[in-house]
């Protein structure tokens, strides 16, 4: 079974990531290492490497692999960063980020999901991830400022707390709800303002 999932993971890398626009070698190597099947329910594991989000309970989902990879590539991480991951969900994105950054704080407002994510991440030995049960819209001021704040849930506004808790030259990446729909945006904090860029339409669960 392990060999089966490994082959599926390698196929995902080629067919879903490299075949599109994922070219960051650190991101690709990380996706090759993280076992997505470990972050979903057993009855859905056969779909672990399909090009789709999957339900994880509580009305939430684990994001489509390509979209997670796209967000990580936009983050341009070098390995020295401190990251706030908003919406821990299953813990999969936090696991990916943990191999790309120095320290990851992942916050989840649904207590049961936070507990499950913490157990999974500890069991799989992702030691530089801290799971917090709390409201991600408030950020996590106890550990601010961050080099990156990344959200796996859509919001119609960018919380002021995030803007305050990000470093100069740091990035905020999220699906932003606009008149066009949900747009994947990256904000880079400059000295007096934020530079905002859009990278196409996406579909995420709403930020709660």
C-alpha atoms as a PDB file:
ATOM      1  CA  UNK A   1       0.000   0.000   0.000  1.00  0.00           C
ATOM      2  CA  UNK A   2       2.840   2.388   0.865  1.00  0.00           C
ATOM      3  CA  UNK A   3       4.449   1.747  -2.511  1.00  0.00           C
ATOM      4  CA  UNK A   4       1.090   2.357  -4.190  1.00  0.00           C
ATOM      5  CA  UNK A   5       0.715   5.763  -2.542  1.00  0.00           C
ATOM      6  CA  UNK A   6       4.325   6.654  -3.361  1.00  0.00           C
ATOM      7  CA  UNK A   7       3.683   5.989  -7.044  1.00  0.00           C
ATOM      8  CA  UNK A   8       0.470   8.020  -6.937  1.00  0.00           C
ATOM      9  CA  UNK A   9       2.344  10.883  -5.248  1.00  0.00           C
ATOM     10  CA  UNK A  10       5.010  10.866  -7.938  1.00  0.00           C
ATOM     11  CA  UNK A  11       2.327  10.847 -10.651  1.00  0.00           C
ATOM     12  CA  UNK A  12       0.618  13.811  -8.955  1.00  0.00           C
ATOM     13  CA  UNK A  13       3.919  15.679  -8.990  1.00  0.00           C
ATOM     14  CA  UNK A  14       4.282  15.220 -12.742  1.00  0.00           C
ATOM     15  CA  UNK A  15       0.669  15.429 -13.940  1.00  0.00           C
ATOM     16  CA  UNK A  16      -0.838  17.987 -11.576  1.00  0.00           C
ATOM     17  CA  UNK A  17       2.047  20.231 -10.520  1.00  0.00           C
ATOM     18  CA  UNK A  18       4.865  20.201 -13.068  1.00  0.00           C
ATOM     19  CA  UNK A  19       2.407  19.939 -15.977  1.00  0.00           C
ATOM     20  CA  UNK A  20       0.944  23.271 -14.911  1.00  0.00           C
ATOM     21  CA  UNK A  21       3.101  26.069 -13.584  1.00  0.00           C
ATOM     22  CA  UNK A  22       4.748  24.702 -10.452  1.00  0.00           C
ATOM     23  CA  UNK A  23       8.482  25.006 -11.067  1.00  0.00           C
ATOM     24  CA  UNK A  24       9.919  25.826  -7.613  1.00  0.00           C
ATOM     25  CA  UNK A  25      12.151  22.816  -6.903  1.00  0.00           C
ATOM     26  CA  UNK A  26      11.852  23.139  -3.122  1.00  0.00           C
ATOM     27  CA  UNK A  27       8.061  23.067  -3.402  1.00  0.00           C
ATOM     28  CA  UNK A  28       8.134  20.049  -5.718  1.00  0.00           C
ATOM     29  CA  UNK A  29      10.522  18.134  -3.471  1.00  0.00           C
ATOM     30  CA  UNK A  30       8.321  18.856  -0.455  1.00  0.00           C
ATOM     31  CA  UNK A  31       5.182  17.562  -2.162  1.00  0.00           C
ATOM     32  CA  UNK A  32       7.123  14.425  -3.016  1.00  0.00           C
ATOM     33  CA  UNK A  33       7.811  13.849   0.691  1.00  0.00           C
ATOM     34  CA  UNK A  34       4.510  14.652   2.445  1.00  0.00           C
ATOM     35  CA  UNK A  35       2.004  11.750   2.531  1.00  0.00           C
ATOM     36  CA  UNK A  36      -1.363  13.370   1.743  1.00  0.00           C
ATOM     37  CA  UNK A  37      -3.151  10.081   2.436  1.00  0.00           C
ATOM     38  CA  UNK A  38      -2.245  10.399   6.131  1.00  0.00           C
ATOM     39  CA  UNK A  39      -4.267  13.624   6.421  1.00  0.00           C
ATOM     40  CA  UNK A  40      -7.618  12.289   5.197  1.00  0.00           C
ATOM     41  CA  UNK A  41     -10.115   9.710   6.404  1.00  0.00           C
ATOM     42  CA  UNK A  42      -9.333   6.101   5.631  1.00  0.00           C
ATOM     43  CA  UNK A  43     -12.367   5.615   3.397  1.00  0.00           C
ATOM     44  CA  UNK A  44     -11.171   8.466   1.162  1.00  0.00           C
ATOM     45  CA  UNK A  45      -7.495   7.548   1.028  1.00  0.00           C
ATOM     46  CA  UNK A  46      -7.864   5.985  -2.413  1.00  0.00           C
ATOM     47  CA  UNK A  47      -8.591   9.526  -3.662  1.00  0.00           C
ATOM     48  CA  UNK A  48      -5.592  11.054  -1.872  1.00  0.00           C
ATOM     49  CA  UNK A  49      -3.773  12.061  -5.064  1.00  0.00           C
ATOM     50  CA  UNK A  50      -6.692  13.054  -7.247  1.00  0.00           C
ATOM     51  CA  UNK A  51      -6.810  16.637  -8.487  1.00  0.00           C
ATOM     52  CA  UNK A  52      -9.549  17.611  -6.024  1.00  0.00           C
ATOM     53  CA  UNK A  53     -10.235  18.891  -2.535  1.00  0.00           C
ATOM     54  CA  UNK A  54     -11.582  16.215  -0.157  1.00  0.00           C
ATOM     55  CA  UNK A  55     -13.948  16.451   2.801  1.00  0.00           C
ATOM     56  CA  UNK A  56     -12.370  16.172   6.261  1.00  0.00           C
ATOM     57  CA  UNK A  57     -15.532  16.696   8.335  1.00  0.00           C
ATOM     58  CA  UNK A  58     -17.085  19.696  10.076  1.00  0.00           C
ATOM     59  CA  UNK A  59     -17.946  21.164   6.659  1.00  0.00           C
ATOM     60  CA  UNK A  60     -14.249  21.631   5.887  1.00  0.00           C
ATOM     61  CA  UNK A  61     -11.946  20.163   3.251  1.00  0.00           C
ATOM     62  CA  UNK A  62      -8.310  19.423   2.476  1.00  0.00           C
ATOM     63  CA  UNK A  63      -7.341  21.625  -0.442  1.00  0.00           C
ATOM     64  CA  UNK A  64      -6.563  20.456  -3.968  1.00  0.00           C
ATOM     65  CA  UNK A  65      -2.804  19.664  -4.137  1.00  0.00           C
ATOM     66  CA  UNK A  66      -2.179  22.059  -7.025  1.00  0.00           C
ATOM     67  CA  UNK A  67      -3.686  25.018  -5.159  1.00  0.00           C
ATOM     68  CA  UNK A  68      -1.589  24.313  -2.056  1.00  0.00           C
ATOM     69  CA  UNK A  69       1.493  24.104  -4.265  1.00  0.00           C
ATOM     70  CA  UNK A  70       0.565  27.331  -6.048  1.00  0.00           C
ATOM     71  CA  UNK A  71       0.212  29.200  -2.749  1.00  0.00           C
ATOM     72  CA  UNK A  72       3.510  27.796  -1.475  1.00  0.00           C
ATOM     73  CA  UNK A  73       5.280  28.801  -4.682  1.00  0.00           C
ATOM     74  CA  UNK A  74       3.884  32.333  -4.392  1.00  0.00           C
ATOM     75  CA  UNK A  75       5.244  32.481  -0.834  1.00  0.00           C
ATOM     76  CA  UNK A  76       8.821  32.183  -2.163  1.00  0.00           C
ATOM     77  CA  UNK A  77      10.065  30.588   1.057  1.00  0.00           C
ATOM     78  CA  UNK A  78      13.781  30.020   1.593  1.00  0.00           C
ATOM     79  CA  UNK A  79      13.709  28.045   4.861  1.00  0.00           C
ATOM     80  CA  UNK A  80      14.358  30.844   7.348  1.00  0.00           C
ATOM     81  CA  UNK A  81      10.793  32.146   7.716  1.00  0.00           C
ATOM     82  CA  UNK A  82       8.229  32.110  10.513  1.00  0.00           C
ATOM     83  CA  UNK A  83       4.772  31.376   9.122  1.00  0.00           C
ATOM     84  CA  UNK A  84       1.197  31.725  10.356  1.00  0.00           C
ATOM     85  CA  UNK A  85      -1.052  29.187   8.618  1.00  0.00           C
ATOM     86  CA  UNK A  86      -4.706  30.193   9.066  1.00  0.00           C
ATOM     87  CA  UNK A  87      -7.135  27.274   8.985  1.00  0.00           C
ATOM     88  CA  UNK A  88      -5.180  24.187  10.018  1.00  0.00           C
ATOM     89  CA  UNK A  89      -7.901  21.843   8.780  1.00  0.00           C
ATOM     90  CA  UNK A  90      -6.331  18.398   8.411  1.00  0.00           C
ATOM     91  CA  UNK A  91      -2.800  19.728   8.992  1.00  0.00           C
ATOM     92  CA  UNK A  92      -1.636  18.920   5.438  1.00  0.00           C
ATOM     93  CA  UNK A  93      -0.722  22.466   4.424  1.00  0.00           C
ATOM     94  CA  UNK A  94       1.083  22.992   7.738  1.00  0.00           C
ATOM     95  CA  UNK A  95       3.117  19.837   7.065  1.00  0.00           C
ATOM     96  CA  UNK A  96       4.076  21.144   3.627  1.00  0.00           C
ATOM     97  CA  UNK A  97       4.994  24.543   5.042  1.00  0.00           C
ATOM     98  CA  UNK A  98       7.048  22.987   7.839  1.00  0.00           C
ATOM     99  CA  UNK A  99       9.500  21.624   5.263  1.00  0.00           C
ATOM    100  CA  UNK A 100       9.721  24.983   3.490  1.00  0.00           C
ATOM    101  CA  UNK A 101      10.018  27.338   6.488  1.00  0.00           C
ATOM    102  CA  UNK A 102      11.771  27.484   9.852  1.00  0.00           C
ATOM    103  CA  UNK A 103       8.681  27.601  12.099  1.00  0.00           C
ATOM    104  CA  UNK A 104       4.957  27.196  11.416  1.00  0.00           C
ATOM    105  CA  UNK A 105       2.077  28.214  13.664  1.00  0.00           C
ATOM    106  CA  UNK A 106      -1.188  26.794  12.349  1.00  0.00           C
ATOM    107  CA  UNK A 107      -4.443  28.054  13.856  1.00  0.00           C
ATOM    108  CA  UNK A 108      -7.849  26.377  13.681  1.00  0.00           C
ATOM    109  CA  UNK A 109     -11.191  27.648  15.028  1.00  0.00           C
ATOM    110  CA  UNK A 110     -12.894  24.225  15.022  1.00  0.00           C
ATOM    111  CA  UNK A 111     -11.634  22.503  18.160  1.00  0.00           C
ATOM    112  CA  UNK A 112     -12.042  18.916  16.954  1.00  0.00           C
ATOM    113  CA  UNK A 113     -10.081  19.635  13.759  1.00  0.00           C
ATOM    114  CA  UNK A 114      -7.348  21.380  15.757  1.00  0.00           C
ATOM    115  CA  UNK A 115      -7.000  18.317  18.022  1.00  0.00           C
ATOM    116  CA  UNK A 116      -6.888  15.909  15.066  1.00  0.00           C
ATOM    117  CA  UNK A 117      -4.335  18.029  13.186  1.00  0.00           C
ATOM    118  CA  UNK A 118      -2.102  18.198  16.260  1.00  0.00           C
ATOM    119  CA  UNK A 119      -2.195  14.407  16.681  1.00  0.00           C
ATOM    120  CA  UNK A 120      -1.419  13.764  13.005  1.00  0.00           C
ATOM    121  CA  UNK A 121       1.439  16.250  12.832  1.00  0.00           C
ATOM    122  CA  UNK A 122       3.014  14.902  16.025  1.00  0.00           C
ATOM    123  CA  UNK A 123       2.610  11.288  14.886  1.00  0.00           C
ATOM    124  CA  UNK A 124       4.348  12.108  11.604  1.00  0.00           C
ATOM    125  CA  UNK A 125       7.139  13.983  13.451  1.00  0.00           C
ATOM    126  CA  UNK A 126       6.642  17.491  12.065  1.00  0.00           C
ATOM    127  CA  UNK A 127       8.441  19.068  14.999  1.00  0.00           C
ATOM    128  CA  UNK A 128       8.526  22.707  13.877  1.00  0.00           C
ATOM    129  CA  UNK A 129       4.716  23.064  13.745  1.00  0.00           C
ATOM    130  CA  UNK A 130       2.599  24.369  16.612  1.00  0.00           C
ATOM    131  CA  UNK A 131      -1.181  23.871  16.362  1.00  0.00           C
ATOM    132  CA  UNK A 132      -3.302  26.557  18.027  1.00  0.00           C
ATOM    133  CA  UNK A 133      -7.024  26.312  18.741  1.00  0.00           C
ATOM    134  CA  UNK A 134      -8.332  29.823  18.119  1.00  0.00           C
ATOM    135  CA  UNK A 135      -9.767  32.406  15.741  1.00  0.00           C
ATOM    136  CA  UNK A 136      -7.441  32.814  12.786  1.00  0.00           C
ATOM    137  CA  UNK A 137      -9.015  36.139  11.838  1.00  0.00           C
ATOM    138  CA  UNK A 138      -7.283  37.576  14.910  1.00  0.00           C
ATOM    139  CA  UNK A 139      -3.918  36.267  13.809  1.00  0.00           C
ATOM    140  CA  UNK A 140      -1.582  35.116  16.586  1.00  0.00           C
ATOM    141  CA  UNK A 141      -0.059  38.202  18.173  1.00  0.00           C
ATOM    142  CA  UNK A 142       1.855  36.170  20.766  1.00  0.00           C
ATOM    143  CA  UNK A 143       4.286  35.057  18.054  1.00  0.00           C
ATOM    144  CA  UNK A 144       4.061  38.016  15.653  1.00  0.00           C
ATOM    145  CA  UNK A 145       5.531  39.397  13.495  1.00  0.00           C
ATOM    146  CA  UNK A 146       5.516  36.787  10.734  1.00  0.00           C
ATOM    147  CA  UNK A 147       7.285  36.533   7.387  1.00  0.00           C
ATOM    148  CA  UNK A 148       4.201  34.911   5.866  1.00  0.00           C
ATOM    149  CA  UNK A 149       0.510  34.661   6.717  1.00  0.00           C
ATOM    150  CA  UNK A 150      -1.298  32.176   4.502  1.00  0.00           C
ATOM    151  CA  UNK A 151      -4.980  31.265   4.587  1.00  0.00           C
ATOM    152  CA  UNK A 152      -6.676  28.162   3.210  1.00  0.00           C
ATOM    153  CA  UNK A 153     -10.118  29.776   3.515  1.00  0.00           C
ATOM    154  CA  UNK A 154     -11.765  32.605   1.599  1.00  0.00           C
ATOM    155  CA  UNK A 155     -12.482  36.012   3.092  1.00  0.00           C
ATOM    156  CA  UNK A 156     -14.183  39.141   1.744  1.00  0.00           C
ATOM    157  CA  UNK A 157     -11.704  41.315   3.636  1.00  0.00           C
ATOM    158  CA  UNK A 158      -8.097  41.050   4.754  1.00  0.00           C
ATOM    159  CA  UNK A 159      -8.119  41.185   8.567  1.00  0.00           C
ATOM    160  CA  UNK A 160      -6.376  44.225   9.999  1.00  0.00           C
ATOM    161  CA  UNK A 161      -4.705  41.939  12.540  1.00  0.00           C
ATOM    162  CA  UNK A 162      -2.884  40.147   9.714  1.00  0.00           C
ATOM    163  CA  UNK A 163      -1.659  43.424   8.271  1.00  0.00           C
ATOM    164  CA  UNK A 164      -0.342  44.441  11.685  1.00  0.00           C
ATOM    165  CA  UNK A 165       1.304  41.083  12.359  1.00  0.00           C
ATOM    166  CA  UNK A 166       3.254  40.781   9.104  1.00  0.00           C
ATOM    167  CA  UNK A 167       6.844  42.005   8.755  1.00  0.00           C
ATOM    168  CA  UNK A 168       8.005  44.624   6.287  1.00  0.00           C
ATOM    169  CA  UNK A 169       8.595  42.721   3.005  1.00  0.00           C
ATOM    170  CA  UNK A 170       6.479  39.868   4.388  1.00  0.00           C
ATOM    171  CA  UNK A 171       3.591  38.340   2.430  1.00  0.00           C
ATOM    172  CA  UNK A 172      -0.093  37.604   3.011  1.00  0.00           C
ATOM    173  CA  UNK A 173      -1.592  34.994   0.673  1.00  0.00           C
ATOM    174  CA  UNK A 174      -5.292  34.139   0.643  1.00  0.00           C
ATOM    175  CA  UNK A 175      -8.376  33.589  -1.506  1.00  0.00           C
ATOM    176  CA  UNK A 176     -10.050  37.013  -1.478  1.00  0.00           C
ATOM    177  CA  UNK A 177     -13.764  37.264  -2.284  1.00  0.00           C
ATOM    178  CA  UNK A 178     -14.265  39.964  -4.937  1.00  0.00           C
ATOM    179  CA  UNK A 179     -16.911  40.838  -7.530  1.00  0.00           C
ATOM    180  CA  UNK A 180     -15.221  38.377  -9.888  1.00  0.00           C
ATOM    181  CA  UNK A 181     -15.411  35.539  -7.362  1.00  0.00           C
ATOM    182  CA  UNK A 182     -12.622  34.159  -5.175  1.00  0.00           C
ATOM    183  CA  UNK A 183      -9.261  35.470  -6.339  1.00  0.00           C
ATOM    184  CA  UNK A 184      -5.953  34.089  -5.125  1.00  0.00           C
ATOM    185  CA  UNK A 185      -4.068  37.196  -4.016  1.00  0.00           C
ATOM    186  CA  UNK A 186      -0.637  37.977  -2.629  1.00  0.00           C
ATOM    187  CA  UNK A 187      -0.006  41.099  -0.604  1.00  0.00           C
ATOM    188  CA  UNK A 188       3.553  42.212   0.046  1.00  0.00           C
ATOM    189  CA  UNK A 189       4.052  44.657   2.904  1.00  0.00           C
ATOM    190  CA  UNK A 190       6.050  47.709   1.921  1.00  0.00           C
ATOM    191  CA  UNK A 191       7.040  50.595   4.197  1.00  0.00           C
ATOM    192  CA  UNK A 192       3.871  52.638   3.720  1.00  0.00           C
ATOM    193  CA  UNK A 193       1.458  50.351   1.876  1.00  0.00           C
ATOM    194  CA  UNK A 194       0.720  46.862   0.579  1.00  0.00           C
ATOM    195  CA  UNK A 195       1.404  45.736  -2.962  1.00  0.00           C
ATOM    196  CA  UNK A 196      -1.451  43.475  -4.129  1.00  0.00           C
ATOM    197  CA  UNK A 197      -1.243  40.927  -6.962  1.00  0.00           C
ATOM    198  CA  UNK A 198      -3.895  38.526  -8.276  1.00  0.00           C
ATOM    199  CA  UNK A 199      -3.214  35.007  -9.556  1.00  0.00           C
ATOM    200  CA  UNK A 200      -6.563  33.860 -10.904  1.00  0.00           C
ATOM    201  CA  UNK A 201      -9.833  32.463  -9.627  1.00  0.00           C
ATOM    202  CA  UNK A 202     -10.014  29.677  -7.032  1.00  0.00           C
ATOM    203  CA  UNK A 203     -12.629  27.929  -4.882  1.00  0.00           C
ATOM    204  CA  UNK A 204     -12.153  27.577  -1.115  1.00  0.00           C
ATOM    205  CA  UNK A 205     -14.404  27.089   1.901  1.00  0.00           C
ATOM    206  CA  UNK A 206     -15.187  30.393   3.676  1.00  0.00           C
ATOM    207  CA  UNK A 207     -13.101  31.645   6.579  1.00  0.00           C
ATOM    208  CA  UNK A 208     -15.004  31.018   9.823  1.00  0.00           C
END
